[in-house]
N, C-alpha and C. Protein backbone atom coordinates (compact mmCIF):
# COMPACT_ATOMS: atom_id res chain seq x y z
N UNK A 1 -52.51 17.07 -38.61
CA UNK A 1 -53.00 15.92 -37.89
C UNK A 1 -54.51 15.89 -37.97
N UNK A 2 -55.05 14.76 -38.30
CA UNK A 2 -56.50 14.59 -38.39
C UNK A 2 -57.06 14.26 -37.01
N UNK A 3 -58.09 14.98 -36.62
CA UNK A 3 -58.74 14.70 -35.33
C UNK A 3 -59.55 13.42 -35.44
N UNK A 4 -59.69 12.74 -34.32
CA UNK A 4 -60.46 11.50 -34.29
C UNK A 4 -61.95 11.75 -34.35
N UNK A 5 -62.39 12.95 -33.93
CA UNK A 5 -63.82 13.24 -33.88
C UNK A 5 -64.05 14.75 -33.94
N UNK A 6 -65.30 15.12 -34.17
CA UNK A 6 -65.66 16.54 -34.12
C UNK A 6 -65.52 17.07 -32.70
N UNK A 7 -65.77 16.21 -31.71
CA UNK A 7 -65.61 16.63 -30.32
C UNK A 7 -64.18 17.12 -30.06
N UNK A 8 -63.22 16.40 -30.62
CA UNK A 8 -61.82 16.79 -30.45
C UNK A 8 -61.56 18.16 -31.10
N UNK A 9 -62.09 18.38 -32.27
CA UNK A 9 -61.94 19.66 -32.97
C UNK A 9 -62.58 20.79 -32.16
N UNK A 10 -63.78 20.55 -31.63
CA UNK A 10 -64.54 21.60 -30.97
C UNK A 10 -64.15 21.83 -29.51
N UNK A 11 -63.13 21.17 -29.01
CA UNK A 11 -62.62 21.46 -27.67
C UNK A 11 -61.59 22.58 -27.78
N UNK A 12 -62.05 23.71 -28.30
CA UNK A 12 -61.16 24.84 -28.58
C UNK A 12 -60.37 25.27 -27.35
N UNK A 13 -61.09 25.44 -26.23
CA UNK A 13 -60.45 25.97 -25.03
C UNK A 13 -59.28 25.10 -24.59
N UNK A 14 -59.52 23.81 -24.40
CA UNK A 14 -58.45 22.92 -23.93
C UNK A 14 -57.30 22.86 -24.92
N UNK A 15 -57.62 22.67 -26.18
CA UNK A 15 -56.56 22.52 -27.18
C UNK A 15 -55.69 23.76 -27.31
N UNK A 16 -56.29 24.92 -27.37
CA UNK A 16 -55.50 26.15 -27.53
C UNK A 16 -54.78 26.53 -26.24
N UNK A 17 -55.40 26.29 -25.08
CA UNK A 17 -54.71 26.55 -23.83
C UNK A 17 -53.47 25.67 -23.70
N UNK A 18 -53.58 24.42 -24.11
CA UNK A 18 -52.43 23.51 -24.08
C UNK A 18 -51.34 24.01 -25.02
N UNK A 19 -51.72 24.48 -26.20
CA UNK A 19 -50.73 25.01 -27.15
C UNK A 19 -50.01 26.22 -26.58
N UNK A 20 -50.76 27.14 -25.99
CA UNK A 20 -50.15 28.34 -25.41
C UNK A 20 -49.24 27.94 -24.24
N UNK A 21 -49.70 27.01 -23.42
CA UNK A 21 -48.87 26.55 -22.30
C UNK A 21 -47.54 25.97 -22.80
N UNK A 22 -47.59 25.15 -23.85
CA UNK A 22 -46.35 24.59 -24.41
C UNK A 22 -45.39 25.70 -24.85
N UNK A 23 -45.92 26.70 -25.52
CA UNK A 23 -45.07 27.80 -26.01
C UNK A 23 -44.45 28.59 -24.86
N UNK A 24 -45.26 28.89 -23.85
CA UNK A 24 -44.75 29.68 -22.74
C UNK A 24 -43.81 28.87 -21.85
N UNK A 25 -44.07 27.58 -21.70
CA UNK A 25 -43.15 26.74 -20.93
C UNK A 25 -41.81 26.61 -21.65
N UNK A 26 -41.84 26.60 -22.98
CA UNK A 26 -40.58 26.58 -23.75
C UNK A 26 -39.77 27.85 -23.54
N UNK A 27 -40.44 28.93 -23.13
CA UNK A 27 -39.77 30.19 -22.81
C UNK A 27 -39.40 30.25 -21.32
N UNK A 28 -39.43 29.11 -20.64
CA UNK A 28 -39.04 28.98 -19.23
C UNK A 28 -39.98 29.68 -18.27
N UNK A 29 -41.28 29.65 -18.58
CA UNK A 29 -42.29 30.22 -17.68
C UNK A 29 -43.13 29.08 -17.09
N UNK A 30 -43.43 29.17 -15.80
CA UNK A 30 -44.30 28.19 -15.15
C UNK A 30 -45.75 28.56 -15.47
N UNK A 31 -46.50 27.61 -16.01
CA UNK A 31 -47.85 27.90 -16.50
C UNK A 31 -48.88 26.92 -15.95
N UNK A 32 -50.09 27.43 -15.78
CA UNK A 32 -51.23 26.62 -15.39
C UNK A 32 -52.42 27.03 -16.23
N UNK A 33 -53.27 26.04 -16.52
CA UNK A 33 -54.54 26.34 -17.18
C UNK A 33 -55.62 26.43 -16.12
N UNK A 34 -56.74 26.99 -16.49
CA UNK A 34 -57.85 27.16 -15.55
C UNK A 34 -58.24 25.84 -14.89
N UNK A 35 -58.21 24.75 -15.65
CA UNK A 35 -58.69 23.48 -15.12
C UNK A 35 -57.60 22.63 -14.48
N UNK A 36 -56.35 23.10 -14.48
CA UNK A 36 -55.29 22.33 -13.84
C UNK A 36 -55.53 22.26 -12.34
N UNK A 37 -55.29 21.09 -11.78
CA UNK A 37 -55.53 20.88 -10.35
C UNK A 37 -54.24 20.97 -9.54
N UNK A 38 -53.16 21.35 -10.19
CA UNK A 38 -51.87 21.44 -9.50
C UNK A 38 -51.89 22.54 -8.43
N UNK A 39 -51.04 22.38 -7.45
CA UNK A 39 -50.81 23.45 -6.49
C UNK A 39 -49.89 24.45 -7.18
N UNK A 40 -50.31 25.69 -7.23
CA UNK A 40 -49.53 26.69 -7.96
C UNK A 40 -48.39 27.22 -7.11
N UNK A 41 -47.27 27.47 -7.77
CA UNK A 41 -46.09 28.02 -7.13
C UNK A 41 -45.72 29.30 -7.86
N UNK A 42 -45.53 30.36 -7.11
CA UNK A 42 -45.17 31.65 -7.72
C UNK A 42 -43.69 31.68 -8.05
N UNK A 43 -43.34 32.37 -9.11
CA UNK A 43 -44.19 33.06 -10.07
C UNK A 43 -44.84 32.07 -11.03
N UNK A 44 -45.98 32.48 -11.59
CA UNK A 44 -46.64 31.62 -12.57
C UNK A 44 -47.50 32.44 -13.51
N UNK A 45 -47.91 31.77 -14.58
CA UNK A 45 -48.81 32.34 -15.58
C UNK A 45 -50.06 31.47 -15.60
N UNK A 46 -51.22 32.11 -15.50
CA UNK A 46 -52.50 31.40 -15.63
C UNK A 46 -53.05 31.69 -17.03
N UNK A 47 -53.50 30.64 -17.71
CA UNK A 47 -53.96 30.75 -19.10
C UNK A 47 -55.43 30.36 -19.19
N UNK A 48 -56.21 31.19 -19.88
CA UNK A 48 -57.63 30.88 -20.08
C UNK A 48 -58.06 31.41 -21.45
N UNK A 49 -58.71 30.54 -22.24
CA UNK A 49 -59.26 30.96 -23.52
C UNK A 49 -60.77 31.14 -23.35
N UNK A 50 -61.25 32.30 -23.79
CA UNK A 50 -62.69 32.59 -23.77
C UNK A 50 -63.13 32.67 -25.22
N UNK A 51 -63.97 31.74 -25.62
CA UNK A 51 -64.39 31.65 -27.02
C UNK A 51 -65.38 32.75 -27.36
N UNK A 52 -65.16 33.36 -28.51
CA UNK A 52 -66.11 34.33 -29.05
C UNK A 52 -66.96 33.63 -30.10
N UNK A 53 -67.37 34.34 -31.09
CA UNK A 53 -68.23 33.76 -32.11
C UNK A 53 -67.47 33.28 -33.34
N UNK A 54 -68.16 32.46 -34.10
CA UNK A 54 -67.62 32.02 -35.38
C UNK A 54 -67.77 33.16 -36.39
N UNK A 55 -66.83 33.22 -37.30
CA UNK A 55 -66.87 34.21 -38.38
C UNK A 55 -67.49 33.53 -39.58
N UNK A 56 -68.24 34.24 -40.36
CA UNK A 56 -68.92 33.64 -41.51
C UNK A 56 -67.94 33.19 -42.59
N UNK A 57 -67.26 32.13 -42.28
CA UNK A 57 -66.35 31.50 -43.24
C UNK A 57 -66.55 30.00 -43.10
N UNK A 58 -66.96 29.37 -44.16
CA UNK A 58 -67.33 27.96 -44.09
C UNK A 58 -66.38 27.10 -44.89
N UNK A 59 -66.35 25.83 -44.53
CA UNK A 59 -65.51 24.86 -45.21
C UNK A 59 -66.35 23.59 -45.41
N UNK A 60 -66.09 22.92 -46.51
CA UNK A 60 -66.72 21.62 -46.73
C UNK A 60 -65.74 20.57 -46.20
N UNK A 61 -66.16 19.82 -45.20
CA UNK A 61 -65.30 18.84 -44.56
C UNK A 61 -65.21 17.56 -45.40
N UNK A 62 -64.23 16.69 -45.11
CA UNK A 62 -64.07 15.47 -45.90
C UNK A 62 -65.32 14.58 -45.96
N UNK A 63 -66.18 14.68 -44.92
CA UNK A 63 -67.39 13.86 -44.95
C UNK A 63 -68.56 14.58 -45.63
N UNK A 64 -68.27 15.73 -46.27
CA UNK A 64 -69.27 16.43 -47.07
C UNK A 64 -70.09 17.46 -46.32
N UNK A 65 -69.86 17.63 -45.03
CA UNK A 65 -70.62 18.63 -44.26
C UNK A 65 -70.03 20.02 -44.46
N UNK A 66 -70.87 21.03 -44.36
CA UNK A 66 -70.41 22.42 -44.40
C UNK A 66 -70.41 22.93 -42.97
N UNK A 67 -69.25 23.39 -42.52
CA UNK A 67 -69.10 23.81 -41.12
C UNK A 67 -68.32 25.13 -41.04
N UNK A 68 -68.53 25.84 -39.91
CA UNK A 68 -67.71 27.02 -39.63
C UNK A 68 -66.26 26.61 -39.53
N UNK A 69 -65.35 27.50 -39.97
CA UNK A 69 -63.94 27.18 -39.91
C UNK A 69 -63.13 28.18 -39.08
N UNK A 70 -63.61 29.40 -38.90
CA UNK A 70 -62.84 30.45 -38.23
C UNK A 70 -63.62 31.00 -37.03
N UNK A 71 -62.89 31.21 -35.92
CA UNK A 71 -63.48 31.75 -34.71
C UNK A 71 -62.61 32.88 -34.15
N UNK A 72 -63.25 33.73 -33.37
CA UNK A 72 -62.56 34.76 -32.60
C UNK A 72 -62.60 34.35 -31.13
N UNK A 73 -61.60 34.79 -30.38
CA UNK A 73 -61.57 34.46 -28.96
C UNK A 73 -60.73 35.49 -28.22
N UNK A 74 -60.81 35.42 -26.90
CA UNK A 74 -59.95 36.21 -26.03
C UNK A 74 -59.06 35.25 -25.27
N UNK A 75 -57.80 35.52 -25.29
CA UNK A 75 -56.84 34.74 -24.53
C UNK A 75 -56.47 35.59 -23.32
N UNK A 76 -56.80 35.08 -22.14
CA UNK A 76 -56.52 35.80 -20.90
C UNK A 76 -55.31 35.17 -20.24
N UNK A 77 -54.31 35.97 -20.02
CA UNK A 77 -53.08 35.50 -19.40
C UNK A 77 -52.84 36.35 -18.16
N UNK A 78 -52.68 35.67 -17.05
CA UNK A 78 -52.45 36.37 -15.79
C UNK A 78 -51.07 36.01 -15.26
N UNK A 79 -50.26 37.02 -15.02
CA UNK A 79 -48.93 36.84 -14.42
C UNK A 79 -49.06 37.12 -12.93
N UNK A 80 -48.60 36.17 -12.12
CA UNK A 80 -48.68 36.32 -10.66
C UNK A 80 -47.29 36.10 -10.07
N UNK A 81 -46.80 37.10 -9.32
CA UNK A 81 -45.51 36.98 -8.65
C UNK A 81 -45.67 37.39 -7.20
N UNK A 82 -44.75 36.94 -6.38
CA UNK A 82 -44.71 37.29 -4.97
C UNK A 82 -44.01 38.63 -4.83
N UNK A 83 -44.63 39.59 -4.18
CA UNK A 83 -44.08 40.96 -4.06
C UNK A 83 -42.74 40.97 -3.33
N UNK A 84 -42.48 39.98 -2.50
CA UNK A 84 -41.24 39.97 -1.72
C UNK A 84 -40.19 39.06 -2.36
N UNK A 85 -40.56 37.83 -2.67
CA UNK A 85 -39.58 36.84 -3.13
C UNK A 85 -39.31 36.87 -4.63
N UNK A 86 -40.33 37.17 -5.46
CA UNK A 86 -40.14 37.05 -6.93
C UNK A 86 -40.58 38.29 -7.70
N UNK A 87 -40.63 39.41 -7.05
CA UNK A 87 -41.08 40.65 -7.71
C UNK A 87 -40.21 41.00 -8.92
N UNK A 88 -38.92 40.68 -8.84
CA UNK A 88 -38.02 41.01 -9.95
C UNK A 88 -38.32 40.19 -11.21
N UNK A 89 -39.11 39.14 -11.11
CA UNK A 89 -39.43 38.31 -12.26
C UNK A 89 -40.71 38.74 -12.98
N UNK A 90 -41.47 39.63 -12.38
CA UNK A 90 -42.76 40.02 -12.94
C UNK A 90 -42.61 40.62 -14.34
N UNK A 91 -41.76 41.59 -14.46
CA UNK A 91 -41.53 42.25 -15.75
C UNK A 91 -40.98 41.26 -16.78
N UNK A 92 -40.08 40.39 -16.35
CA UNK A 92 -39.50 39.39 -17.23
C UNK A 92 -40.57 38.45 -17.78
N UNK A 93 -41.51 38.04 -16.95
CA UNK A 93 -42.60 37.18 -17.40
C UNK A 93 -43.42 37.87 -18.49
N UNK A 94 -43.79 39.13 -18.25
CA UNK A 94 -44.57 39.87 -19.27
C UNK A 94 -43.79 39.99 -20.57
N UNK A 95 -42.51 40.28 -20.48
CA UNK A 95 -41.68 40.41 -21.68
C UNK A 95 -41.67 39.12 -22.48
N UNK A 96 -41.44 38.00 -21.80
CA UNK A 96 -41.37 36.71 -22.49
C UNK A 96 -42.71 36.35 -23.13
N UNK A 97 -43.80 36.63 -22.46
CA UNK A 97 -45.12 36.35 -23.03
C UNK A 97 -45.30 37.14 -24.32
N UNK A 98 -44.95 38.40 -24.30
CA UNK A 98 -45.08 39.24 -25.50
C UNK A 98 -44.18 38.76 -26.63
N UNK A 99 -42.96 38.38 -26.31
CA UNK A 99 -42.05 37.88 -27.35
C UNK A 99 -42.66 36.66 -28.03
N UNK A 100 -43.21 35.74 -27.25
CA UNK A 100 -43.79 34.51 -27.81
C UNK A 100 -45.04 34.82 -28.62
N UNK A 101 -45.99 35.55 -28.05
CA UNK A 101 -47.29 35.72 -28.70
C UNK A 101 -47.25 36.69 -29.87
N UNK A 102 -46.38 37.69 -29.85
CA UNK A 102 -46.29 38.58 -31.01
C UNK A 102 -45.62 37.89 -32.20
N UNK A 103 -45.00 36.76 -31.94
CA UNK A 103 -44.36 35.97 -32.99
C UNK A 103 -45.24 34.76 -33.36
N UNK A 104 -46.57 34.97 -33.31
CA UNK A 104 -47.51 33.86 -33.47
C UNK A 104 -47.36 33.12 -34.79
N UNK A 105 -46.96 33.83 -35.86
CA UNK A 105 -46.83 33.16 -37.17
C UNK A 105 -45.82 32.02 -37.14
N UNK A 106 -44.73 32.20 -36.41
CA UNK A 106 -43.71 31.15 -36.33
C UNK A 106 -43.95 30.20 -35.16
N UNK A 107 -44.65 30.65 -34.14
CA UNK A 107 -44.80 29.86 -32.92
C UNK A 107 -45.89 28.78 -33.02
N UNK A 108 -47.04 29.13 -33.58
CA UNK A 108 -48.17 28.20 -33.60
C UNK A 108 -48.07 27.27 -34.82
N UNK A 109 -47.08 26.41 -34.79
CA UNK A 109 -46.88 25.43 -35.87
C UNK A 109 -47.88 24.29 -35.72
N UNK A 110 -47.95 23.45 -36.73
CA UNK A 110 -48.84 22.28 -36.67
C UNK A 110 -48.40 21.32 -35.57
N UNK A 111 -47.14 21.35 -35.21
CA UNK A 111 -46.65 20.50 -34.12
C UNK A 111 -47.17 21.00 -32.76
N UNK A 112 -47.20 22.30 -32.58
CA UNK A 112 -47.68 22.90 -31.32
C UNK A 112 -49.21 22.94 -31.29
N UNK A 113 -49.82 23.27 -32.40
CA UNK A 113 -51.28 23.41 -32.49
C UNK A 113 -51.78 22.58 -33.68
N UNK A 114 -51.95 21.27 -33.48
CA UNK A 114 -52.23 20.38 -34.62
C UNK A 114 -53.58 20.60 -35.30
N UNK A 115 -54.56 21.16 -34.59
CA UNK A 115 -55.89 21.32 -35.18
C UNK A 115 -56.18 22.72 -35.68
N UNK A 116 -55.42 23.73 -35.21
CA UNK A 116 -55.76 25.12 -35.52
C UNK A 116 -54.57 25.90 -36.05
N UNK A 117 -54.89 26.78 -36.97
CA UNK A 117 -53.93 27.76 -37.44
C UNK A 117 -54.32 29.10 -36.81
N UNK A 118 -53.38 29.75 -36.15
CA UNK A 118 -53.66 31.05 -35.55
C UNK A 118 -53.47 32.12 -36.62
N UNK A 119 -54.54 32.83 -36.91
CA UNK A 119 -54.53 33.84 -37.98
C UNK A 119 -54.13 35.22 -37.47
N UNK A 120 -54.43 35.49 -36.21
CA UNK A 120 -54.10 36.78 -35.63
C UNK A 120 -53.98 36.63 -34.12
N UNK A 121 -53.00 37.33 -33.55
CA UNK A 121 -52.81 37.35 -32.11
C UNK A 121 -52.31 38.74 -31.75
N UNK A 122 -53.19 39.52 -31.10
CA UNK A 122 -52.85 40.91 -30.77
C UNK A 122 -53.21 41.18 -29.32
N UNK A 123 -52.31 41.85 -28.64
CA UNK A 123 -52.61 42.24 -27.26
C UNK A 123 -53.67 43.33 -27.28
N UNK A 124 -54.69 43.15 -26.45
CA UNK A 124 -55.77 44.14 -26.41
C UNK A 124 -55.74 44.96 -25.12
N UNK A 125 -54.76 44.72 -24.27
CA UNK A 125 -54.61 45.52 -23.07
C UNK A 125 -54.09 44.70 -21.91
N UNK A 126 -53.63 45.42 -20.89
CA UNK A 126 -53.19 44.75 -19.67
C UNK A 126 -53.57 45.61 -18.47
N UNK A 127 -53.77 44.94 -17.35
CA UNK A 127 -54.18 45.64 -16.13
C UNK A 127 -53.31 45.15 -14.97
N UNK A 128 -52.54 46.06 -14.37
CA UNK A 128 -51.75 45.67 -13.20
C UNK A 128 -52.59 45.76 -11.92
N UNK A 129 -52.34 44.85 -11.00
CA UNK A 129 -53.05 44.85 -9.72
C UNK A 129 -52.08 44.44 -8.62
N UNK A 130 -52.30 44.96 -7.44
CA UNK A 130 -51.55 44.52 -6.27
C UNK A 130 -52.53 43.91 -5.29
N UNK A 131 -52.25 42.70 -4.85
CA UNK A 131 -53.04 42.06 -3.78
C UNK A 131 -52.18 42.12 -2.52
N UNK A 132 -52.41 43.14 -1.73
CA UNK A 132 -51.57 43.34 -0.55
C UNK A 132 -51.72 42.23 0.48
N UNK A 133 -52.92 41.70 0.64
CA UNK A 133 -53.14 40.65 1.65
C UNK A 133 -52.39 39.36 1.33
N UNK A 134 -52.14 39.09 0.02
CA UNK A 134 -51.38 37.90 -0.38
C UNK A 134 -49.96 38.22 -0.84
N UNK A 135 -49.57 39.50 -0.73
CA UNK A 135 -48.25 39.94 -1.21
C UNK A 135 -48.02 39.55 -2.67
N UNK A 136 -49.00 39.81 -3.52
CA UNK A 136 -48.89 39.42 -4.93
C UNK A 136 -48.97 40.62 -5.86
N UNK A 137 -48.13 40.58 -6.89
CA UNK A 137 -48.27 41.48 -8.03
C UNK A 137 -48.94 40.67 -9.12
N UNK A 138 -49.92 41.29 -9.78
CA UNK A 138 -50.68 40.59 -10.82
C UNK A 138 -50.75 41.48 -12.05
N UNK A 139 -50.55 40.88 -13.21
CA UNK A 139 -50.81 41.56 -14.48
C UNK A 139 -51.77 40.70 -15.27
N UNK A 140 -52.94 41.26 -15.57
CA UNK A 140 -53.90 40.59 -16.44
C UNK A 140 -53.64 41.08 -17.86
N UNK A 141 -53.19 40.16 -18.71
CA UNK A 141 -52.89 40.49 -20.10
C UNK A 141 -53.96 39.85 -20.98
N UNK A 142 -54.59 40.66 -21.80
CA UNK A 142 -55.66 40.17 -22.67
C UNK A 142 -55.21 40.23 -24.12
N UNK A 143 -55.50 39.16 -24.84
CA UNK A 143 -55.10 39.02 -26.23
C UNK A 143 -56.30 38.65 -27.09
N UNK A 144 -56.40 39.25 -28.25
CA UNK A 144 -57.38 38.87 -29.26
C UNK A 144 -56.74 37.74 -30.07
N UNK A 145 -57.45 36.64 -30.19
CA UNK A 145 -56.94 35.48 -30.92
C UNK A 145 -57.97 35.05 -31.95
N UNK A 146 -57.56 35.03 -33.20
CA UNK A 146 -58.42 34.58 -34.29
C UNK A 146 -57.77 33.31 -34.85
N UNK A 147 -58.55 32.24 -34.97
CA UNK A 147 -57.97 30.98 -35.40
C UNK A 147 -58.93 30.24 -36.34
N UNK A 148 -58.34 29.34 -37.12
CA UNK A 148 -59.10 28.53 -38.07
C UNK A 148 -58.75 27.06 -37.86
N UNK A 149 -59.72 26.21 -38.10
CA UNK A 149 -59.45 24.77 -38.09
C UNK A 149 -58.63 24.47 -39.33
N UNK A 150 -57.52 23.78 -39.14
CA UNK A 150 -56.68 23.40 -40.29
C UNK A 150 -57.47 22.46 -41.19
N UNK A 151 -57.32 22.62 -42.49
CA UNK A 151 -58.06 21.76 -43.45
C UNK A 151 -57.83 20.28 -43.20
N UNK A 152 -56.60 19.93 -42.86
CA UNK A 152 -56.27 18.51 -42.67
C UNK A 152 -56.72 17.97 -41.31
N UNK A 153 -57.23 18.83 -40.43
CA UNK A 153 -57.62 18.40 -39.08
C UNK A 153 -59.04 17.82 -39.01
N UNK A 154 -59.88 18.14 -39.97
CA UNK A 154 -61.27 17.65 -39.93
C UNK A 154 -61.31 16.14 -39.97
N UNK A 155 -62.15 15.51 -39.15
CA UNK A 155 -62.25 14.05 -39.15
C UNK A 155 -62.70 13.53 -40.51
N UNK A 156 -62.28 12.35 -40.82
CA UNK A 156 -62.63 11.72 -42.10
C UNK A 156 -63.78 10.76 -41.90
């Protein structure tokens, strides 16, 4: 899919967070992005992309410009469950997230991620936390995500 503008291409965070949300929701997980204004209901997954730097790989776009094509990022996924009502779902949420993201080659299709091809997706660690005052179990899962703008996505 060709983007309408460079602004659309360079909205990495929103576009990739939406793609990840689609994949995780297809696995029957309730998901929210950092900027979602919805009232959250436990259990849920919070998704946030933190952009890293561009890698020295350039492409000549259809309008003749030379631009960066590949970036590194951190995908932060937080699993939140209620210690009393939904504690039994915490492990299941982590399992489903790993099944989806470790299968990134098949999951991040052009239909799910029309502007970007995911080149690498690796878990870089997780941190469990208990919030006793809110009766919450939390797992912060961090993923290394390397992606490229699809050749056909550059505006014409």
